[in-house]
Structures are given as C-alpha cells and as structure tokens.
C-alpha cells in the first residue's frame, strides 16, 4: 500500500485538488509516477487551519500521465474508501463557497 502526505495551505489549493464528483469524495495528487488503477493508498491530509492531519484510505481511480496534451498536470485521482476522520465533510465545509465555482480544477 502506498502512503501520501498532503498539506493544503489554502482553501483554493484544496479546491483545486478535491473531487466532489467521486461517490465518496476524493483528491487529485500531482505525481509523475505511474500507479495501477484500483491500488489502495493511505492519505495523511492536513487541511488549511488544521493542526493535525486526518487519515483516509482510498483507491486510485484514474491516472493522468505525463505529457497530456490538454496541459493537465500528471497525477492520480484517489477516491475515498475508509473515511473514519470524516475528511470529506471537513473538506466540503472548508471549501463550500468554492464548490459551485466555474473555475477549472486539476481534475476537471
């Protein structure tokens, strides 16, 4: 199992990575590395204004390879599977006002 440590310093940065369209929520992680769809990962996520990270277990649900012509950064999309810290609700509470924004994100 892979582990990623993510620290979001602003709500805008969090909005750029959050994937509300995934059933249980998810995050896009910039990385040039190649992973397999369906692999389980653990995320240690520190939200803006949080003192301690929250842990969520997820699965890789897609990969954007290096060199995509659309200019989208390389990375993986991780869907939340085991969200005991309720990170999805914490994220949506933090970026609620941005969720209806037409500003593009890293995943869409």
N, C-alpha and C. Protein backbone atom coordinates (compact mmCIF):
# COMPACT_ATOMS: atom_id res chain seq x y z
N UNK A 1 0.85 -1.18 0.00
CA UNK A 1 0.00 0.00 0.00
C UNK A 1 0.90 1.24 0.00
N UNK A 2 0.52 2.19 -0.81
CA UNK A 2 1.26 3.45 -0.89
C UNK A 2 0.70 4.43 0.13
N UNK A 3 1.56 5.34 0.59
CA UNK A 3 1.12 6.39 1.51
C UNK A 3 1.56 7.74 0.97
N UNK A 4 0.63 8.70 1.02
CA UNK A 4 0.91 10.06 0.58
C UNK A 4 0.60 11.00 1.73
N UNK A 5 1.45 12.01 1.88
CA UNK A 5 1.23 13.07 2.86
C UNK A 5 0.92 14.34 2.09
N UNK A 6 -0.26 14.90 2.35
CA UNK A 6 -0.71 16.09 1.64
C UNK A 6 -0.99 17.20 2.64
N UNK A 7 -0.45 18.37 2.38
CA UNK A 7 -0.72 19.53 3.22
C UNK A 7 -1.25 20.65 2.34
N UNK A 8 -2.47 21.07 2.62
CA UNK A 8 -3.10 22.15 1.86
C UNK A 8 -3.01 23.43 2.68
N UNK A 9 -2.39 24.45 2.10
CA UNK A 9 -2.17 25.70 2.82
C UNK A 9 -3.30 26.70 2.65
N UNK A 10 -4.13 26.49 1.61
CA UNK A 10 -5.23 27.42 1.39
C UNK A 10 -6.46 26.66 0.89
N UNK A 11 -7.64 27.29 1.06
CA UNK A 11 -8.87 26.69 0.57
C UNK A 11 -8.83 26.57 -0.95
N UNK A 12 -8.23 27.52 -1.61
CA UNK A 12 -8.13 27.50 -3.07
C UNK A 12 -7.32 26.29 -3.54
N UNK A 13 -6.20 26.04 -2.88
CA UNK A 13 -5.37 24.89 -3.22
C UNK A 13 -6.14 23.58 -2.99
N UNK A 14 -6.90 23.50 -1.91
CA UNK A 14 -7.72 22.33 -1.61
C UNK A 14 -8.80 22.15 -2.68
N UNK A 15 -9.46 23.24 -3.05
CA UNK A 15 -10.48 23.20 -4.10
C UNK A 15 -9.91 22.65 -5.40
N UNK A 16 -8.70 23.04 -5.74
CA UNK A 16 -8.07 22.59 -6.98
C UNK A 16 -7.89 21.06 -7.01
N UNK A 17 -7.70 20.45 -5.84
CA UNK A 17 -7.43 19.01 -5.77
C UNK A 17 -8.65 18.16 -5.42
N UNK A 18 -9.68 18.77 -4.84
CA UNK A 18 -10.83 17.99 -4.38
C UNK A 18 -11.68 17.50 -5.56
N UNK A 19 -12.20 16.28 -5.44
CA UNK A 19 -13.03 15.66 -6.47
C UNK A 19 -14.41 15.34 -5.90
N UNK A 20 -15.33 16.32 -5.90
CA UNK A 20 -16.66 16.08 -5.33
C UNK A 20 -17.52 15.14 -6.16
N UNK A 21 -17.17 14.93 -7.42
CA UNK A 21 -17.95 14.10 -8.33
C UNK A 21 -17.73 12.61 -8.11
N UNK A 22 -16.71 12.24 -7.32
CA UNK A 22 -16.46 10.84 -6.98
C UNK A 22 -17.42 10.47 -5.84
N UNK A 23 -17.99 9.29 -5.89
CA UNK A 23 -19.07 8.88 -4.97
C UNK A 23 -18.83 9.29 -3.52
N UNK A 24 -17.71 8.95 -2.95
CA UNK A 24 -17.43 9.27 -1.55
C UNK A 24 -16.45 10.43 -1.39
N UNK A 25 -16.21 11.16 -2.48
CA UNK A 25 -15.22 12.22 -2.47
C UNK A 25 -13.85 11.66 -2.81
N UNK A 26 -12.93 12.54 -3.11
CA UNK A 26 -11.59 12.10 -3.44
C UNK A 26 -10.67 13.29 -3.65
N UNK A 27 -9.40 13.00 -3.85
CA UNK A 27 -8.39 14.03 -4.07
C UNK A 27 -7.52 13.66 -5.25
N UNK A 28 -7.10 14.68 -5.99
CA UNK A 28 -6.13 14.53 -7.06
C UNK A 28 -4.76 14.82 -6.47
N UNK A 29 -3.81 13.96 -6.76
CA UNK A 29 -2.45 14.10 -6.25
C UNK A 29 -1.50 14.24 -7.43
N UNK A 30 -0.79 15.36 -7.48
CA UNK A 30 0.21 15.55 -8.55
C UNK A 30 1.38 14.61 -8.32
N UNK A 31 1.68 13.84 -9.36
CA UNK A 31 2.84 12.95 -9.31
C UNK A 31 3.16 12.47 -10.72
N UNK A 32 4.44 12.40 -11.06
CA UNK A 32 4.81 11.86 -12.37
C UNK A 32 4.90 10.32 -12.36
N UNK A 33 4.82 9.72 -11.17
CA UNK A 33 4.94 8.27 -11.03
C UNK A 33 3.73 7.56 -11.63
N UNK A 34 3.94 6.33 -12.08
CA UNK A 34 2.87 5.51 -12.64
C UNK A 34 2.38 4.53 -11.58
N UNK A 35 1.07 4.50 -11.37
CA UNK A 35 0.43 3.59 -10.42
C UNK A 35 -0.66 2.82 -11.14
N UNK A 36 -1.14 1.77 -10.54
CA UNK A 36 -2.20 0.97 -11.13
C UNK A 36 -3.56 1.38 -10.60
N UNK A 37 -4.53 1.45 -11.49
CA UNK A 37 -5.90 1.72 -11.10
C UNK A 37 -6.34 0.62 -10.13
N UNK A 38 -7.02 1.01 -9.06
CA UNK A 38 -7.51 0.05 -8.07
C UNK A 38 -6.58 -0.19 -6.90
N UNK A 39 -5.33 0.31 -7.00
CA UNK A 39 -4.40 0.14 -5.88
C UNK A 39 -4.87 0.94 -4.68
N UNK A 40 -4.71 0.37 -3.50
CA UNK A 40 -5.12 1.03 -2.26
C UNK A 40 -4.00 1.95 -1.78
N UNK A 41 -4.39 3.12 -1.28
CA UNK A 41 -3.43 4.09 -0.77
C UNK A 41 -3.95 4.66 0.55
N UNK A 42 -3.02 5.13 1.36
CA UNK A 42 -3.38 5.85 2.58
C UNK A 42 -2.96 7.30 2.40
N UNK A 43 -3.87 8.20 2.72
CA UNK A 43 -3.60 9.63 2.63
C UNK A 43 -3.57 10.23 4.02
N UNK A 44 -2.51 10.97 4.32
CA UNK A 44 -2.43 11.79 5.53
C UNK A 44 -2.66 13.22 5.06
N UNK A 45 -3.82 13.77 5.36
CA UNK A 45 -4.23 15.05 4.79
C UNK A 45 -4.34 16.12 5.89
N UNK A 46 -3.58 17.20 5.71
CA UNK A 46 -3.69 18.35 6.62
C UNK A 46 -4.41 19.45 5.86
N UNK A 47 -5.56 19.84 6.38
CA UNK A 47 -6.38 20.87 5.75
C UNK A 47 -5.92 22.25 6.21
N UNK A 48 -6.29 23.29 5.45
CA UNK A 48 -5.94 24.65 5.89
C UNK A 48 -6.47 24.90 7.31
N UNK A 49 -5.69 25.53 8.12
CA UNK A 49 -6.05 25.86 9.51
C UNK A 49 -6.17 24.65 10.43
N UNK A 50 -5.76 23.46 9.99
CA UNK A 50 -5.77 22.28 10.86
C UNK A 50 -4.40 22.12 11.49
N UNK A 51 -4.39 21.64 12.70
CA UNK A 51 -3.12 21.43 13.40
C UNK A 51 -2.59 20.01 13.19
N UNK A 52 -3.50 19.06 12.96
CA UNK A 52 -3.09 17.68 12.79
C UNK A 52 -3.70 17.10 11.52
N UNK A 53 -3.01 16.13 10.91
CA UNK A 53 -3.55 15.52 9.70
C UNK A 53 -4.69 14.56 10.00
N UNK A 54 -5.53 14.35 9.00
CA UNK A 54 -6.57 13.33 9.04
C UNK A 54 -6.13 12.21 8.12
N UNK A 55 -6.55 10.99 8.44
CA UNK A 55 -6.17 9.84 7.64
C UNK A 55 -7.38 9.30 6.91
N UNK A 56 -7.18 8.97 5.65
CA UNK A 56 -8.23 8.35 4.85
C UNK A 56 -7.58 7.29 3.96
N UNK A 57 -8.26 6.16 3.81
CA UNK A 57 -7.81 5.10 2.92
C UNK A 57 -8.61 5.23 1.64
N UNK A 58 -7.93 5.15 0.52
CA UNK A 58 -8.61 5.28 -0.76
C UNK A 58 -8.06 4.33 -1.80
N UNK A 59 -8.65 4.44 -3.00
CA UNK A 59 -8.19 3.64 -4.12
C UNK A 59 -7.94 4.57 -5.30
N UNK A 60 -6.91 4.24 -6.05
CA UNK A 60 -6.61 5.02 -7.25
C UNK A 60 -7.70 4.74 -8.28
N UNK A 61 -8.37 5.81 -8.70
CA UNK A 61 -9.49 5.63 -9.64
C UNK A 61 -9.15 6.14 -11.03
N UNK A 62 -8.06 6.88 -11.19
CA UNK A 62 -7.57 7.23 -12.53
C UNK A 62 -6.17 7.79 -12.45
N UNK A 63 -5.54 7.85 -13.61
CA UNK A 63 -4.19 8.40 -13.70
C UNK A 63 -4.12 9.32 -14.91
N UNK A 64 -3.53 10.48 -14.71
CA UNK A 64 -3.24 11.40 -15.81
C UNK A 64 -1.74 11.28 -16.06
N UNK A 65 -1.36 10.74 -17.20
CA UNK A 65 0.07 10.53 -17.47
C UNK A 65 0.81 11.83 -17.79
N UNK A 66 2.11 11.77 -17.68
CA UNK A 66 2.97 12.89 -18.05
C UNK A 66 2.78 13.18 -19.53
N UNK A 67 2.71 14.47 -19.89
CA UNK A 67 2.67 14.87 -21.28
C UNK A 67 1.30 14.92 -21.93
N UNK A 68 0.24 14.92 -21.14
CA UNK A 68 -1.11 15.02 -21.70
C UNK A 68 -1.24 16.34 -22.45
N UNK A 69 -1.79 16.31 -23.63
CA UNK A 69 -1.84 17.50 -24.47
C UNK A 69 -2.71 18.62 -23.93
N UNK A 70 -3.65 18.32 -23.06
CA UNK A 70 -4.53 19.36 -22.53
C UNK A 70 -3.82 20.27 -21.53
N UNK A 71 -2.60 19.93 -21.18
CA UNK A 71 -1.86 20.73 -20.21
C UNK A 71 -2.20 20.37 -18.77
N UNK A 72 -3.01 19.35 -18.57
CA UNK A 72 -3.36 18.90 -17.23
C UNK A 72 -2.12 18.30 -16.58
N UNK A 73 -1.87 18.63 -15.30
CA UNK A 73 -0.68 18.06 -14.65
C UNK A 73 -0.79 16.55 -14.47
N UNK A 74 0.34 15.89 -14.49
CA UNK A 74 0.38 14.45 -14.25
C UNK A 74 -0.01 14.17 -12.81
N UNK A 75 -0.71 13.07 -12.61
CA UNK A 75 -1.09 12.70 -11.25
C UNK A 75 -2.10 11.58 -11.22
N UNK A 76 -2.60 11.34 -10.01
CA UNK A 76 -3.59 10.27 -9.80
C UNK A 76 -4.80 10.82 -9.07
N UNK A 77 -5.94 10.25 -9.36
CA UNK A 77 -7.16 10.54 -8.63
C UNK A 77 -7.38 9.42 -7.63
N UNK A 78 -7.61 9.79 -6.37
CA UNK A 78 -7.83 8.81 -5.30
C UNK A 78 -9.23 9.00 -4.75
N UNK A 79 -10.05 7.95 -4.82
CA UNK A 79 -11.39 8.00 -4.26
C UNK A 79 -11.33 7.53 -2.81
N UNK A 80 -12.08 8.20 -1.94
CA UNK A 80 -12.11 7.84 -0.52
C UNK A 80 -12.88 6.54 -0.34
N UNK A 81 -12.31 5.61 0.42
CA UNK A 81 -12.95 4.33 0.71
C UNK A 81 -13.26 4.20 2.20
N UNK A 82 -12.27 4.45 3.04
CA UNK A 82 -12.44 4.37 4.50
C UNK A 82 -12.12 5.75 5.07
N UNK A 83 -13.17 6.48 5.39
CA UNK A 83 -13.05 7.88 5.82
C UNK A 83 -13.48 8.03 7.28
N UNK A 84 -12.74 7.40 8.17
CA UNK A 84 -13.12 7.41 9.59
C UNK A 84 -13.00 8.80 10.22
N UNK A 85 -12.13 9.65 9.69
CA UNK A 85 -11.99 11.01 10.21
C UNK A 85 -12.99 11.98 9.57
N UNK A 86 -13.84 11.44 8.67
CA UNK A 86 -14.86 12.24 8.00
C UNK A 86 -14.25 13.41 7.23
N UNK A 87 -13.16 13.14 6.54
CA UNK A 87 -12.41 14.18 5.82
C UNK A 87 -13.26 14.80 4.71
N UNK A 88 -14.13 14.02 4.09
CA UNK A 88 -14.96 14.58 3.01
C UNK A 88 -15.80 15.75 3.54
N UNK A 89 -16.45 15.56 4.67
CA UNK A 89 -17.27 16.63 5.23
C UNK A 89 -16.42 17.82 5.66
N UNK A 90 -15.24 17.56 6.20
CA UNK A 90 -14.34 18.65 6.60
C UNK A 90 -13.90 19.45 5.38
N UNK A 91 -13.61 18.76 4.28
CA UNK A 91 -13.20 19.45 3.06
C UNK A 91 -14.35 20.30 2.53
N UNK A 92 -15.53 19.70 2.44
CA UNK A 92 -16.67 20.43 1.87
C UNK A 92 -17.08 21.62 2.74
N UNK A 93 -16.88 21.49 4.03
CA UNK A 93 -17.15 22.61 4.94
C UNK A 93 -16.13 23.73 4.69
N UNK A 94 -14.88 23.35 4.48
CA UNK A 94 -13.81 24.31 4.28
C UNK A 94 -13.93 25.06 2.95
N UNK A 95 -14.33 24.36 1.89
CA UNK A 95 -14.36 24.97 0.56
C UNK A 95 -15.78 25.13 0.02
N UNK A 96 -16.77 25.06 0.86
CA UNK A 96 -18.17 25.09 0.44
C UNK A 96 -18.50 26.19 -0.54
N UNK A 97 -18.02 27.38 -0.29
CA UNK A 97 -18.34 28.51 -1.16
C UNK A 97 -17.70 28.39 -2.55
N UNK A 98 -16.68 27.55 -2.67
CA UNK A 98 -15.99 27.37 -3.95
C UNK A 98 -16.56 26.22 -4.79
N UNK A 99 -17.36 25.34 -4.17
CA UNK A 99 -17.80 24.14 -4.87
C UNK A 99 -18.62 24.42 -6.12
N UNK A 100 -19.32 25.52 -6.18
CA UNK A 100 -20.12 25.87 -7.36
C UNK A 100 -19.38 26.77 -8.33
N UNK A 101 -18.10 26.95 -8.10
CA UNK A 101 -17.28 27.80 -8.95
C UNK A 101 -17.12 27.17 -10.34
N UNK A 102 -17.02 28.04 -11.34
CA UNK A 102 -16.77 27.55 -12.70
C UNK A 102 -15.26 27.47 -12.99
N UNK A 103 -14.47 27.83 -12.02
CA UNK A 103 -13.01 27.78 -12.17
C UNK A 103 -12.57 26.33 -12.33
N UNK A 104 -11.73 26.03 -13.32
CA UNK A 104 -11.29 24.65 -13.52
C UNK A 104 -10.42 24.17 -12.35
N UNK A 105 -10.45 22.86 -12.16
CA UNK A 105 -9.62 22.23 -11.12
C UNK A 105 -8.55 21.39 -11.79
N UNK A 106 -7.76 20.72 -11.00
CA UNK A 106 -6.71 19.86 -11.55
C UNK A 106 -7.27 18.59 -12.19
N UNK A 107 -8.52 18.25 -11.84
CA UNK A 107 -9.10 17.01 -12.34
C UNK A 107 -10.20 17.22 -13.38
N UNK A 108 -10.70 18.41 -13.53
CA UNK A 108 -11.78 18.66 -14.50
C UNK A 108 -11.53 19.96 -15.22
